Amino acid sequence: MAQVLVRQVEDTVVEALKRKAAARGASLEAYVRDLMTRDAAESREAIAARLRARLAGQPLSPVDSTTLIRQHRDGLGEGA
């Protein structure tokens, strides 16, 4: 099997990964290996589906474009 060495990882990232690994009863090495294995196997379609599911029902923008359009239109009508 191949080995991977990742340099210059922020200490906060390593600590967060250690906590997550410990919460699952795994070593940091095993946890990161599992993350990499799952990520490498996930297709673009699966990633897109997962993101669509996560964002379902949420507006793409916190701003209601209908309101902005009406405000802009009304503002233009006043100046014309």
Protein backbone atom coordinates (compact mmCIF):
# COMPACT_ATOMS: atom_id res chain seq x y z
CA MET A 1 0.00 0.00 0.00
CA ALA A 2 1.05 3.58 -0.60
CA GLN A 3 1.74 6.13 2.09
CA VAL A 4 0.71 9.78 2.16
CA LEU A 5 2.45 12.51 4.15
CA VAL A 6 0.57 15.78 4.54
CA ARG A 7 2.67 18.73 5.67
CA GLN A 8 1.69 22.05 7.22
CA VAL A 9 -1.66 21.02 8.64
CA GLU A 10 -2.98 23.56 11.14
CA ASP A 11 -2.82 22.40 14.75
CA THR A 12 -6.52 23.16 15.16
CA VAL A 13 -7.35 20.85 12.25
CA VAL A 14 -5.29 18.01 13.70
CA GLU A 15 -6.90 18.45 17.13
CA ALA A 16 -10.39 18.44 15.60
CA LEU A 17 -9.60 15.27 13.66
CA LYS A 18 -8.22 13.62 16.81
CA ARG A 19 -11.42 14.46 18.70
CA LYS A 20 -13.59 13.06 15.92
CA ALA A 21 -11.49 9.91 15.72
CA ALA A 22 -11.66 9.41 19.49
CA ALA A 23 -15.44 9.89 19.45
CA ARG A 24 -15.63 6.99 16.98
CA GLY A 25 -13.19 4.87 18.95
CA ALA A 26 -10.62 5.03 16.16
CA SER A 27 -7.04 6.19 15.86
CA LEU A 28 -6.29 9.39 13.97
CA GLU A 29 -4.64 7.29 11.26
CA ALA A 30 -7.66 5.02 10.86
CA TYR A 31 -10.08 7.94 10.89
CA VAL A 32 -8.19 9.91 8.23
CA ARG A 33 -7.71 6.77 6.12
CA ASP A 34 -11.47 6.18 6.22
CA LEU A 35 -12.15 9.82 5.23
CA MET A 36 -9.80 9.54 2.27
CA THR A 37 -11.22 6.18 1.19
CA ARG A 38 -14.80 7.44 1.26
CA ASP A 39 -13.89 10.69 -0.50
CA ALA A 40 -11.99 8.89 -3.27
CA ALA A 41 -14.92 6.54 -3.88
CA GLU A 42 -17.62 9.21 -3.97
CA SER A 43 -18.64 10.20 -7.48
CA ARG A 44 -19.45 13.71 -8.58
CA GLU A 45 -23.07 12.68 -8.96
CA ALA A 46 -23.20 11.40 -5.39
CA ILE A 47 -21.60 14.58 -4.08
CA ALA A 48 -24.09 16.70 -6.03
CA ALA A 49 -27.00 14.62 -4.73
CA ARG A 50 -25.76 14.95 -1.15
CA LEU A 51 -25.42 18.72 -1.51
CA ARG A 52 -28.86 19.03 -3.13
CA ALA A 53 -30.37 17.09 -0.24
CA ARG A 54 -28.59 19.30 2.29
CA LEU A 55 -29.79 22.48 0.57
CA ALA A 56 -33.32 21.29 -0.21
CA GLY A 57 -35.89 23.83 0.83
CA GLN A 58 -33.31 26.49 1.61
CA PRO A 59 -33.21 29.66 -0.42
CA LEU A 60 -30.05 30.02 -2.48
CA SER A 61 -29.75 33.53 -1.12
CA PRO A 62 -30.91 34.93 2.21
CA VAL A 63 -32.29 37.88 0.22
CA ASP A 64 -35.72 37.66 -1.38
CA SER A 65 -35.08 38.71 -4.98
CA THR A 66 -38.76 39.53 -5.52
CA THR A 67 -38.56 42.25 -2.89
CA LEU A 68 -35.36 43.64 -4.39
CA ILE A 69 -36.86 43.72 -7.88
CA ARG A 70 -39.98 45.50 -6.64
CA GLN A 71 -37.91 48.04 -4.73
CA HIS A 72 -35.74 48.68 -7.77
CA ARG A 73 -38.73 48.93 -10.09
CA ASP A 74 -40.57 51.28 -7.73
CA GLY A 75 -37.45 53.40 -7.36
CA LEU A 76 -37.11 53.68 -11.14
CA GLY A 77 -40.76 54.63 -11.47
CA GLU A 78 -40.34 57.53 -9.05
CA GLY A 79 -37.38 59.01 -10.91
CA ALA A 80 -38.89 58.72 -14.38
